[in-house]
């Protein structure tokens, strides 16, 4: 599939790709990668990338990736920055469960690099082949069972997300296997790095959770976030408080990413008007 363009920009579009190298170890159906983009100027020196990790599927290993597109929250219609959205198919474990082992240990860097290269040189074919397209802002989101894999993916990633959105996905670990809050240290280290770049390069952490499902870990992250905000230089607290926060969802689990994702892609500090949803 080829992206189309008119004048000086690539028109919004989408495509499915198969046999993605970074996902070769994942069990499941093909195609295994979905791309969506908004209008992108041909002379854009860089684009933003938004990756979303999906959760479980009632179809188990037979799940088509297209099932996850509508509720992924990867809606770019209100986003003004040129952006490539990426939805990889996870690895079917058993029953309805998926994880993302191919994105660990720097695998998510490989995924992003591959998707950007395919878009800029093969799908699009209209950028200068000798320069390609660089990645500016990196956004990572996870819904449900994709939440903890998103945290695990950034632990050893070279490209850390500027913005991290987790939609009712911080289930924590099985306490029988160790610390149920294992992974919170990854978020702590990431927040420290992010706040060191504020406000010159603004970022965000938005966690939307349902108490009976992901409450304990989410509330622990809320406390961690509050401590980082309190330690920020004077005057930044109200600014950071808009973009780094944890809040309860007012919509059912299956709709959190679909409702909140598009709003956060448009504005990472968006206020959710739950009364109108």
C-alpha atoms as a PDB file:
ATOM      1  CA  UNK A   1       0.000   0.000   0.000  1.00  0.00           C
ATOM      2  CA  UNK A   2       1.284   3.465  -0.906  1.00  0.00           C
ATOM      3  CA  UNK A   3       0.567   6.724   0.857  1.00  0.00           C
ATOM      4  CA  UNK A   4      -0.927   9.406  -1.348  1.00  0.00           C
ATOM      5  CA  UNK A   5      -0.103  13.078  -1.425  1.00  0.00           C
ATOM      6  CA  UNK A   6      -1.031  16.329  -3.015  1.00  0.00           C
ATOM      7  CA  UNK A   7       1.056  19.459  -3.210  1.00  0.00           C
ATOM      8  CA  UNK A   8       3.632  19.555  -0.457  1.00  0.00           C
ATOM      9  CA  UNK A   9       2.223  17.008   1.991  1.00  0.00           C
ATOM     10  CA  UNK A  10       1.287  13.375   2.461  1.00  0.00           C
ATOM     11  CA  UNK A  11      -2.427  12.899   2.997  1.00  0.00           C
ATOM     12  CA  UNK A  12      -3.708  11.066   6.088  1.00  0.00           C
ATOM     13  CA  UNK A  13      -3.849   7.308   5.619  1.00  0.00           C
ATOM     14  CA  UNK A  14      -3.270   3.885   7.140  1.00  0.00           C
ATOM     15  CA  UNK A  15      -1.816   0.496   6.270  1.00  0.00           C
ATOM     16  CA  UNK A  16      -1.317  -3.035   7.608  1.00  0.00           C
ATOM     17  CA  UNK A  17       2.096  -4.703   7.344  1.00  0.00           C
ATOM     18  CA  UNK A  18       3.145  -8.334   7.829  1.00  0.00           C
ATOM     19  CA  UNK A  19       6.194 -10.159   9.143  1.00  0.00           C
ATOM     20  CA  UNK A  20       7.583  -7.271  11.147  1.00  0.00           C
ATOM     21  CA  UNK A  21      11.170  -8.154  12.208  1.00  0.00           C
ATOM     22  CA  UNK A  22      10.830  -6.901  15.796  1.00  0.00           C
ATOM     23  CA  UNK A  23       7.726  -9.082  16.228  1.00  0.00           C
ATOM     24  CA  UNK A  24       9.087 -12.308  14.735  1.00  0.00           C
ATOM     25  CA  UNK A  25       9.004 -14.048  18.117  1.00  0.00           C
ATOM     26  CA  UNK A  26       5.324 -13.214  18.663  1.00  0.00           C
ATOM     27  CA  UNK A  27       2.701 -15.897  18.150  1.00  0.00           C
ATOM     28  CA  UNK A  28      -0.455 -14.793  16.340  1.00  0.00           C
ATOM     29  CA  UNK A  29      -1.954 -13.868  13.012  1.00  0.00           C
ATOM     30  CA  UNK A  30      -0.713 -11.730  10.138  1.00  0.00           C
ATOM     31  CA  UNK A  31      -0.660  -8.838   9.477  1.00  0.00           C
ATOM     32  CA  UNK A  32       1.144  -7.970  12.686  1.00  0.00           C
ATOM     33  CA  UNK A  33       1.571  -4.194  12.363  1.00  0.00           C
ATOM     34  CA  UNK A  34      -0.867  -1.334  11.784  1.00  0.00           C
ATOM     35  CA  UNK A  35       0.244   2.169  10.799  1.00  0.00           C
ATOM     36  CA  UNK A  36      -1.805   5.345  10.669  1.00  0.00           C
ATOM     37  CA  UNK A  37      -0.629   8.865   9.885  1.00  0.00           C
ATOM     38  CA  UNK A  38      -2.047  12.358   9.660  1.00  0.00           C
ATOM     39  CA  UNK A  39      -1.078  14.988   7.100  1.00  0.00           C
ATOM     40  CA  UNK A  40       2.721  15.174   6.939  1.00  0.00           C
ATOM     41  CA  UNK A  41       4.625  17.879   5.035  1.00  0.00           C
ATOM     42  CA  UNK A  42       7.117  16.467   2.556  1.00  0.00           C
ATOM     43  CA  UNK A  43       9.800  18.769   3.928  1.00  0.00           C
ATOM     44  CA  UNK A  44       9.188  17.735   7.543  1.00  0.00           C
ATOM     45  CA  UNK A  45      12.636  17.100   9.116  1.00  0.00           C
ATOM     46  CA  UNK A  46      11.053  14.884  11.777  1.00  0.00           C
ATOM     47  CA  UNK A  47       7.756  13.332  12.801  1.00  0.00           C
ATOM     48  CA  UNK A  48       6.257  12.238  16.090  1.00  0.00           C
ATOM     49  CA  UNK A  49       5.615   8.548  16.731  1.00  0.00           C
ATOM     50  CA  UNK A  50       2.830   7.132  18.907  1.00  0.00           C
ATOM     51  CA  UNK A  51       2.962   3.420  19.785  1.00  0.00           C
ATOM     52  CA  UNK A  52       0.058   1.651  21.459  1.00  0.00           C
ATOM     53  CA  UNK A  53       0.180  -1.786  23.111  1.00  0.00           C
ATOM     54  CA  UNK A  54      -3.161  -3.611  23.169  1.00  0.00           C
ATOM     55  CA  UNK A  55      -4.613  -5.941  25.767  1.00  0.00           C
ATOM     56  CA  UNK A  56      -6.347  -9.318  25.762  1.00  0.00           C
ATOM     57  CA  UNK A  57      -8.625 -10.723  23.085  1.00  0.00           C
ATOM     58  CA  UNK A  58     -11.551 -13.081  23.391  1.00  0.00           C
ATOM     59  CA  UNK A  59     -10.440 -14.549  20.059  1.00  0.00           C
ATOM     60  CA  UNK A  60      -7.178 -15.731  21.577  1.00  0.00           C
ATOM     61  CA  UNK A  61      -4.452 -16.579  19.098  1.00  0.00           C
ATOM     62  CA  UNK A  62      -6.814 -16.100  16.159  1.00  0.00           C
ATOM     63  CA  UNK A  63      -7.241 -12.392  16.896  1.00  0.00           C
ATOM     64  CA  UNK A  64      -6.907 -10.229  13.773  1.00  0.00           C
ATOM     65  CA  UNK A  65      -5.010  -7.034  14.514  1.00  0.00           C
ATOM     66  CA  UNK A  66      -7.877  -5.065  12.975  1.00  0.00           C
ATOM     67  CA  UNK A  67      -9.914  -5.964  16.070  1.00  0.00           C
ATOM     68  CA  UNK A  68      -7.693  -3.686  18.162  1.00  0.00           C
ATOM     69  CA  UNK A  69      -7.664  -0.629  15.920  1.00  0.00           C
ATOM     70  CA  UNK A  70     -11.023   0.996  16.863  1.00  0.00           C
ATOM     71  CA  UNK A  71     -10.363   0.964  20.620  1.00  0.00           C
ATOM     72  CA  UNK A  72      -6.644   1.699  20.492  1.00  0.00           C
ATOM     73  CA  UNK A  73      -7.146   5.441  20.882  1.00  0.00           C
ATOM     74  CA  UNK A  74      -4.831   6.051  17.908  1.00  0.00           C
ATOM     75  CA  UNK A  75      -7.088   8.736  16.483  1.00  0.00           C
ATOM     76  CA  UNK A  76      -4.988  11.512  14.965  1.00  0.00           C
ATOM     77  CA  UNK A  77      -7.848  13.634  13.658  1.00  0.00           C
ATOM     78  CA  UNK A  78      -7.324  16.334  16.316  1.00  0.00           C
ATOM     79  CA  UNK A  79      -3.528  16.192  16.416  1.00  0.00           C
ATOM     80  CA  UNK A  80      -1.736  19.024  14.629  1.00  0.00           C
ATOM     81  CA  UNK A  81       1.850  17.729  14.752  1.00  0.00           C
ATOM     82  CA  UNK A  82       2.870  15.333  11.943  1.00  0.00           C
ATOM     83  CA  UNK A  83       2.560  11.909  13.525  1.00  0.00           C
ATOM     84  CA  UNK A  84       2.891   8.224  12.686  1.00  0.00           C
ATOM     85  CA  UNK A  85       0.805   5.943  14.908  1.00  0.00           C
ATOM     86  CA  UNK A  86       1.926   2.329  15.380  1.00  0.00           C
ATOM     87  CA  UNK A  87      -0.113  -0.606  16.667  1.00  0.00           C
ATOM     88  CA  UNK A  88       1.905  -3.854  16.919  1.00  0.00           C
ATOM     89  CA  UNK A  89       0.258  -7.242  17.429  1.00  0.00           C
ATOM     90  CA  UNK A  90       1.288  -8.782  20.712  1.00  0.00           C
ATOM     91  CA  UNK A  91       2.372 -12.325  21.470  1.00  0.00           C
ATOM     92  CA  UNK A  92      -0.432 -14.754  22.220  1.00  0.00           C
ATOM     93  CA  UNK A  93       0.400 -16.665  25.405  1.00  0.00           C
ATOM     94  CA  UNK A  94      -2.725 -18.739  26.049  1.00  0.00           C
ATOM     95  CA  UNK A  95      -6.450 -18.276  26.533  1.00  0.00           C
ATOM     96  CA  UNK A  96      -7.079 -14.535  25.952  1.00  0.00           C
ATOM     97  CA  UNK A  97      -3.677 -13.319  27.112  1.00  0.00           C
ATOM     98  CA  UNK A  98      -1.083 -11.351  25.147  1.00  0.00           C
ATOM     99  CA  UNK A  99       2.294  -9.900  26.047  1.00  0.00           C
ATOM    100  CA  UNK A 100       5.100  -8.138  24.109  1.00  0.00           C
ATOM    101  CA  UNK A 101       8.450  -9.907  24.655  1.00  0.00           C
ATOM    102  CA  UNK A 102       9.773  -8.733  21.289  1.00  0.00           C
ATOM    103  CA  UNK A 103       9.717  -5.136  22.535  1.00  0.00           C
ATOM    104  CA  UNK A 104      11.944  -5.763  25.549  1.00  0.00           C
ATOM    105  CA  UNK A 105      15.682  -5.031  25.714  1.00  0.00           C
ATOM    106  CA  UNK A 106      15.534  -2.331  23.061  1.00  0.00           C
ATOM    107  CA  UNK A 107      13.040  -4.123  20.838  1.00  0.00           C
ATOM    108  CA  UNK A 108      10.699  -1.164  20.900  1.00  0.00           C
ATOM    109  CA  UNK A 109      13.485   0.974  19.391  1.00  0.00           C
ATOM    110  CA  UNK A 110      13.780  -1.526  16.542  1.00  0.00           C
ATOM    111  CA  UNK A 111      10.011  -1.476  16.030  1.00  0.00           C
ATOM    112  CA  UNK A 112       9.855   2.307  15.793  1.00  0.00           C
ATOM    113  CA  UNK A 113      12.868   2.526  13.484  1.00  0.00           C
ATOM    114  CA  UNK A 114      11.427  -0.154  11.185  1.00  0.00           C
ATOM    115  CA  UNK A 115       7.970   1.442  11.013  1.00  0.00           C
ATOM    116  CA  UNK A 116       9.371   4.903  10.289  1.00  0.00           C
ATOM    117  CA  UNK A 117      11.655   3.500   7.592  1.00  0.00           C
ATOM    118  CA  UNK A 118       8.829   1.570   5.932  1.00  0.00           C
ATOM    119  CA  UNK A 119       6.617   4.631   5.997  1.00  0.00           C
ATOM    120  CA  UNK A 120       9.170   7.130   4.742  1.00  0.00           C
ATOM    121  CA  UNK A 121      10.758   5.009   2.018  1.00  0.00           C
ATOM    122  CA  UNK A 122       8.340   2.274   0.970  1.00  0.00           C
ATOM    123  CA  UNK A 123       4.785   3.193   1.935  1.00  0.00           C
ATOM    124  CA  UNK A 124       5.249   6.854   1.244  1.00  0.00           C
ATOM    125  CA  UNK A 125       8.105   6.901  -1.269  1.00  0.00           C
ATOM    126  CA  UNK A 126       8.037  10.667  -1.507  1.00  0.00           C
ATOM    127  CA  UNK A 127      10.636  11.720   1.020  1.00  0.00           C
ATOM    128  CA  UNK A 128      14.227  12.137  -0.091  1.00  0.00           C
ATOM    129  CA  UNK A 129      15.697   8.623   0.150  1.00  0.00           C
ATOM    130  CA  UNK A 130      19.059   9.908   1.300  1.00  0.00           C
ATOM    131  CA  UNK A 131      17.688  11.517   4.448  1.00  0.00           C
ATOM    132  CA  UNK A 132      14.556   9.645   5.495  1.00  0.00           C
ATOM    133  CA  UNK A 133      12.629  11.013   8.456  1.00  0.00           C
ATOM    134  CA  UNK A 134      13.835  11.460  12.023  1.00  0.00           C
ATOM    135  CA  UNK A 135      11.730  10.876  15.131  1.00  0.00           C
ATOM    136  CA  UNK A 136      11.018  13.915  17.292  1.00  0.00           C
ATOM    137  CA  UNK A 137       8.534  13.187  20.070  1.00  0.00           C
ATOM    138  CA  UNK A 138       7.848   9.602  21.123  1.00  0.00           C
ATOM    139  CA  UNK A 139       4.536   8.697  22.736  1.00  0.00           C
ATOM    140  CA  UNK A 140       3.867   5.275  24.258  1.00  0.00           C
ATOM    141  CA  UNK A 141       0.498   4.033  25.484  1.00  0.00           C
ATOM    142  CA  UNK A 142      -0.859   0.747  26.767  1.00  0.00           C
ATOM    143  CA  UNK A 143      -4.343  -0.489  27.526  1.00  0.00           C
ATOM    144  CA  UNK A 144      -5.293  -3.349  29.845  1.00  0.00           C
ATOM    145  CA  UNK A 145      -2.737  -6.160  29.474  1.00  0.00           C
ATOM    146  CA  UNK A 146      -0.580  -3.830  27.389  1.00  0.00           C
ATOM    147  CA  UNK A 147       0.054  -1.511  30.332  1.00  0.00           C
ATOM    148  CA  UNK A 148       2.752  -3.431  32.181  1.00  0.00           C
ATOM    149  CA  UNK A 149       4.508  -4.418  28.909  1.00  0.00           C
ATOM    150  CA  UNK A 150       4.716  -0.704  28.094  1.00  0.00           C
ATOM    151  CA  UNK A 151       6.514  -0.116  31.388  1.00  0.00           C
ATOM    152  CA  UNK A 152       8.804  -3.092  30.799  1.00  0.00           C
ATOM    153  CA  UNK A 153       9.582  -1.945  27.240  1.00  0.00           C
ATOM    154  CA  UNK A 154      10.988   1.423  28.306  1.00  0.00           C
ATOM    155  CA  UNK A 155      13.283  -0.083  30.955  1.00  0.00           C
ATOM    156  CA  UNK A 156      16.119  -0.800  28.486  1.00  0.00           C
ATOM    157  CA  UNK A 157      14.945   1.262  25.541  1.00  0.00           C
ATOM    158  CA  UNK A 158      17.333   3.800  24.062  1.00  0.00           C
ATOM    159  CA  UNK A 159      14.491   6.088  22.990  1.00  0.00           C
ATOM    160  CA  UNK A 160      12.532   6.971  26.114  1.00  0.00           C
ATOM    161  CA  UNK A 161       8.972   8.214  25.645  1.00  0.00           C
ATOM    162  CA  UNK A 162       8.250  11.891  26.038  1.00  0.00           C
ATOM    163  CA  UNK A 163       4.695  10.958  26.955  1.00  0.00           C
ATOM    164  CA  UNK A 164       3.424   7.771  28.599  1.00  0.00           C
ATOM    165  CA  UNK A 165      -0.296   6.982  28.772  1.00  0.00           C
ATOM    166  CA  UNK A 166      -1.599   3.908  30.606  1.00  0.00           C
ATOM    167  CA  UNK A 167      -5.283   3.078  30.300  1.00  0.00           C
ATOM    168  CA  UNK A 168      -6.402   0.779  33.142  1.00  0.00           C
ATOM    169  CA  UNK A 169      -3.288  -1.294  32.586  1.00  0.00           C
ATOM    170  CA  UNK A 170      -1.163  -1.131  35.752  1.00  0.00           C
ATOM    171  CA  UNK A 171      -2.130  -4.539  37.115  1.00  0.00           C
ATOM    172  CA  UNK A 172       1.194  -5.040  38.877  1.00  0.00           C
ATOM    173  CA  UNK A 173       2.836  -8.425  39.361  1.00  0.00           C
ATOM    174  CA  UNK A 174       1.612 -11.652  40.874  1.00  0.00           C
ATOM    175  CA  UNK A 175       2.670 -11.348  44.554  1.00  0.00           C
ATOM    176  CA  UNK A 176       3.460 -15.084  44.556  1.00  0.00           C
ATOM    177  CA  UNK A 177       6.276 -14.347  42.085  1.00  0.00           C
ATOM    178  CA  UNK A 178       7.808 -11.384  43.910  1.00  0.00           C
ATOM    179  CA  UNK A 179       7.156  -7.709  44.534  1.00  0.00           C
ATOM    180  CA  UNK A 180       3.703  -6.755  43.187  1.00  0.00           C
ATOM    181  CA  UNK A 181       5.032  -3.235  42.540  1.00  0.00           C
ATOM    182  CA  UNK A 182       8.016  -4.412  40.512  1.00  0.00           C
ATOM    183  CA  UNK A 183       8.357  -1.969  37.621  1.00  0.00           C
ATOM    184  CA  UNK A 184       7.526   1.147  39.604  1.00  0.00           C
ATOM    185  CA  UNK A 185      11.274   1.782  39.787  1.00  0.00           C
ATOM    186  CA  UNK A 186      11.264   1.992  35.982  1.00  0.00           C
ATOM    187  CA  UNK A 187       8.593   4.679  36.115  1.00  0.00           C
ATOM    188  CA  UNK A 188      10.535   6.470  38.869  1.00  0.00           C
ATOM    189  CA  UNK A 189      13.713   6.557  36.779  1.00  0.00           C
ATOM    190  CA  UNK A 190      11.817   7.631  33.682  1.00  0.00           C
ATOM    191  CA  UNK A 191      10.105  10.463  35.601  1.00  0.00           C
ATOM    192  CA  UNK A 192      13.457  11.661  36.919  1.00  0.00           C
ATOM    193  CA  UNK A 193      14.794  11.856  33.383  1.00  0.00           C
ATOM    194  CA  UNK A 194      11.670  13.549  32.097  1.00  0.00           C
ATOM    195  CA  UNK A 195      11.539  16.175  34.832  1.00  0.00           C
ATOM    196  CA  UNK A 196      15.189  17.018  34.164  1.00  0.00           C
ATOM    197  CA  UNK A 197      14.053  18.187  30.704  1.00  0.00           C
ATOM    198  CA  UNK A 198      11.058  20.196  31.919  1.00  0.00           C
ATOM    199  CA  UNK A 199       9.819  22.691  30.931  1.00  0.00           C
ATOM    200  CA  UNK A 200      12.075  23.101  27.857  1.00  0.00           C
ATOM    201  CA  UNK A 201      10.920  19.762  26.430  1.00  0.00           C
ATOM    202  CA  UNK A 202       7.536  19.065  28.013  1.00  0.00           C
ATOM    203  CA  UNK A 203       6.370  15.524  28.605  1.00  0.00           C
ATOM    204  CA  UNK A 204       3.468  13.737  30.236  1.00  0.00           C
ATOM    205  CA  UNK A 205       2.380  10.766  32.321  1.00  0.00           C
ATOM    206  CA  UNK A 206      -1.355  10.142  32.252  1.00  0.00           C
ATOM    207  CA  UNK A 207      -2.743   7.091  34.030  1.00  0.00           C
ATOM    208  CA  UNK A 208      -6.476   6.403  33.919  1.00  0.00           C
ATOM    209  CA  UNK A 209      -7.542   3.465  36.064  1.00  0.00           C
ATOM    210  CA  UNK A 210     -10.442   1.506  37.518  1.00  0.00           C
ATOM    211  CA  UNK A 211      -9.948   0.848  41.220  1.00  0.00           C
ATOM    212  CA  UNK A 212     -11.083  -2.780  41.375  1.00  0.00           C
ATOM    213  CA  UNK A 213      -8.739  -3.733  38.540  1.00  0.00           C
ATOM    214  CA  UNK A 214      -5.608  -1.607  38.623  1.00  0.00           C
ATOM    215  CA  UNK A 215      -6.070   0.554  41.709  1.00  0.00           C
ATOM    216  CA  UNK A 216      -3.103  -0.394  43.960  1.00  0.00           C
ATOM    217  CA  UNK A 217      -0.313   0.051  41.398  1.00  0.00           C
ATOM    218  CA  UNK A 218      -1.968   3.132  39.889  1.00  0.00           C
ATOM    219  CA  UNK A 219      -2.269   4.809  43.286  1.00  0.00           C
ATOM    220  CA  UNK A 220       1.371   3.995  44.014  1.00  0.00           C
ATOM    221  CA  UNK A 221       2.315   5.737  40.756  1.00  0.00           C
ATOM    222  CA  UNK A 222       0.153   8.690  41.796  1.00  0.00           C
ATOM    223  CA  UNK A 223       2.180   9.050  44.994  1.00  0.00           C
ATOM    224  CA  UNK A 224       5.429   8.760  43.078  1.00  0.00           C
ATOM    225  CA  UNK A 225       4.311  11.386  40.573  1.00  0.00           C
ATOM    226  CA  UNK A 226       3.252  13.762  43.331  1.00  0.00           C
ATOM    227  CA  UNK A 227       6.723  13.529  44.900  1.00  0.00           C
ATOM    228  CA  UNK A 228       8.425  14.375  41.622  1.00  0.00           C
ATOM    229  CA  UNK A 229       6.130  17.348  41.058  1.00  0.00           C
ATOM    230  CA  UNK A 230       6.723  18.619  44.604  1.00  0.00           C
ATOM    231  CA  UNK A 231      10.490  18.479  44.023  1.00  0.00           C
ATOM    232  CA  UNK A 232      10.296  20.497  40.791  1.00  0.00           C
ATOM    233  CA  UNK A 233      11.535  24.109  40.695  1.00  0.00           C
ATOM    234  CA  UNK A 234       9.138  26.734  42.096  1.00  0.00           C
ATOM    235  CA  UNK A 235       6.378  27.786  39.772  1.00  0.00           C
ATOM    236  CA  UNK A 236       6.305  24.580  37.742  1.00  0.00           C
ATOM    237  CA  UNK A 237       3.922  22.612  39.949  1.00  0.00           C
ATOM    238  CA  UNK A 238       0.652  23.824  38.362  1.00  0.00           C
ATOM    239  CA  UNK A 239       2.075  23.367  34.863  1.00  0.00           C
ATOM    240  CA  UNK A 240       3.369  19.871  35.531  1.00  0.00           C
ATOM    241  CA  UNK A 241       0.237  18.896  37.414  1.00  0.00           C
ATOM    242  CA  UNK A 242      -1.810  19.134  34.224  1.00  0.00           C
ATOM    243  CA  UNK A 243       0.407  16.721  32.296  1.00  0.00           C
ATOM    244  CA  UNK A 244       1.527  14.312  35.014  1.00  0.00           C
ATOM    245  CA  UNK A 245      -1.431  12.823  36.831  1.00  0.00           C
ATOM    246  CA  UNK A 246      -3.292   9.679  37.777  1.00  0.00           C
ATOM    247  CA  UNK A 247      -7.079   9.637  37.843  1.00  0.00           C
ATOM    248  CA  UNK A 248     -10.015   7.285  38.067  1.00  0.00           C
ATOM    249  CA  UNK A 249     -11.901   6.345  34.924  1.00  0.00           C
ATOM    250  CA  UNK A 250     -15.598   7.078  34.547  1.00  0.00           C
ATOM    251  CA  UNK A 251     -16.037   4.747  31.592  1.00  0.00           C
ATOM    252  CA  UNK A 252     -15.848   0.913  31.467  1.00  0.00           C
ATOM    253  CA  UNK A 253     -12.512  -0.835  31.062  1.00  0.00           C
ATOM    254  CA  UNK A 254     -12.896  -1.652  27.376  1.00  0.00           C
ATOM    255  CA  UNK A 255     -13.449   1.994  26.418  1.00  0.00           C
ATOM    256  CA  UNK A 256     -10.750   3.810  28.407  1.00  0.00           C
ATOM    257  CA  UNK A 257      -8.168   3.946  25.606  1.00  0.00           C
ATOM    258  CA  UNK A 258     -10.745   4.745  22.930  1.00  0.00           C
ATOM    259  CA  UNK A 259     -12.154   7.671  24.935  1.00  0.00           C
ATOM    260  CA  UNK A 260      -8.988   9.090  26.489  1.00  0.00           C
ATOM    261  CA  UNK A 261      -6.375   8.327  23.827  1.00  0.00           C
ATOM    262  CA  UNK A 262      -7.555  10.758  21.135  1.00  0.00           C
ATOM    263  CA  UNK A 263      -7.895  13.582  23.654  1.00  0.00           C
ATOM    264  CA  UNK A 264      -4.373  13.055  24.985  1.00  0.00           C
ATOM    265  CA  UNK A 265      -2.898  12.844  21.488  1.00  0.00           C
ATOM    266  CA  UNK A 266      -4.451  16.242  20.847  1.00  0.00           C
ATOM    267  CA  UNK A 267      -3.344  17.684  24.214  1.00  0.00           C
ATOM    268  CA  UNK A 268      -1.380  15.736  26.838  1.00  0.00           C
ATOM    269  CA  UNK A 269      -2.789  18.040  29.503  1.00  0.00           C
ATOM    270  CA  UNK A 270      -6.411  17.550  28.459  1.00  0.00           C
ATOM    271  CA  UNK A 271      -9.158  17.606  31.055  1.00  0.00           C
ATOM    272  CA  UNK A 272     -11.613  14.744  30.629  1.00  0.00           C
ATOM    273  CA  UNK A 273     -15.173  15.957  30.878  1.00  0.00           C
ATOM    274  CA  UNK A 274     -16.608  12.687  32.149  1.00  0.00           C
ATOM    275  CA  UNK A 275     -20.072  14.220  32.449  1.00  0.00           C
ATOM    276  CA  UNK A 276     -20.261  14.518  28.646  1.00  0.00           C
ATOM    277  CA  UNK A 277     -18.931  11.057  27.829  1.00  0.00           C
END
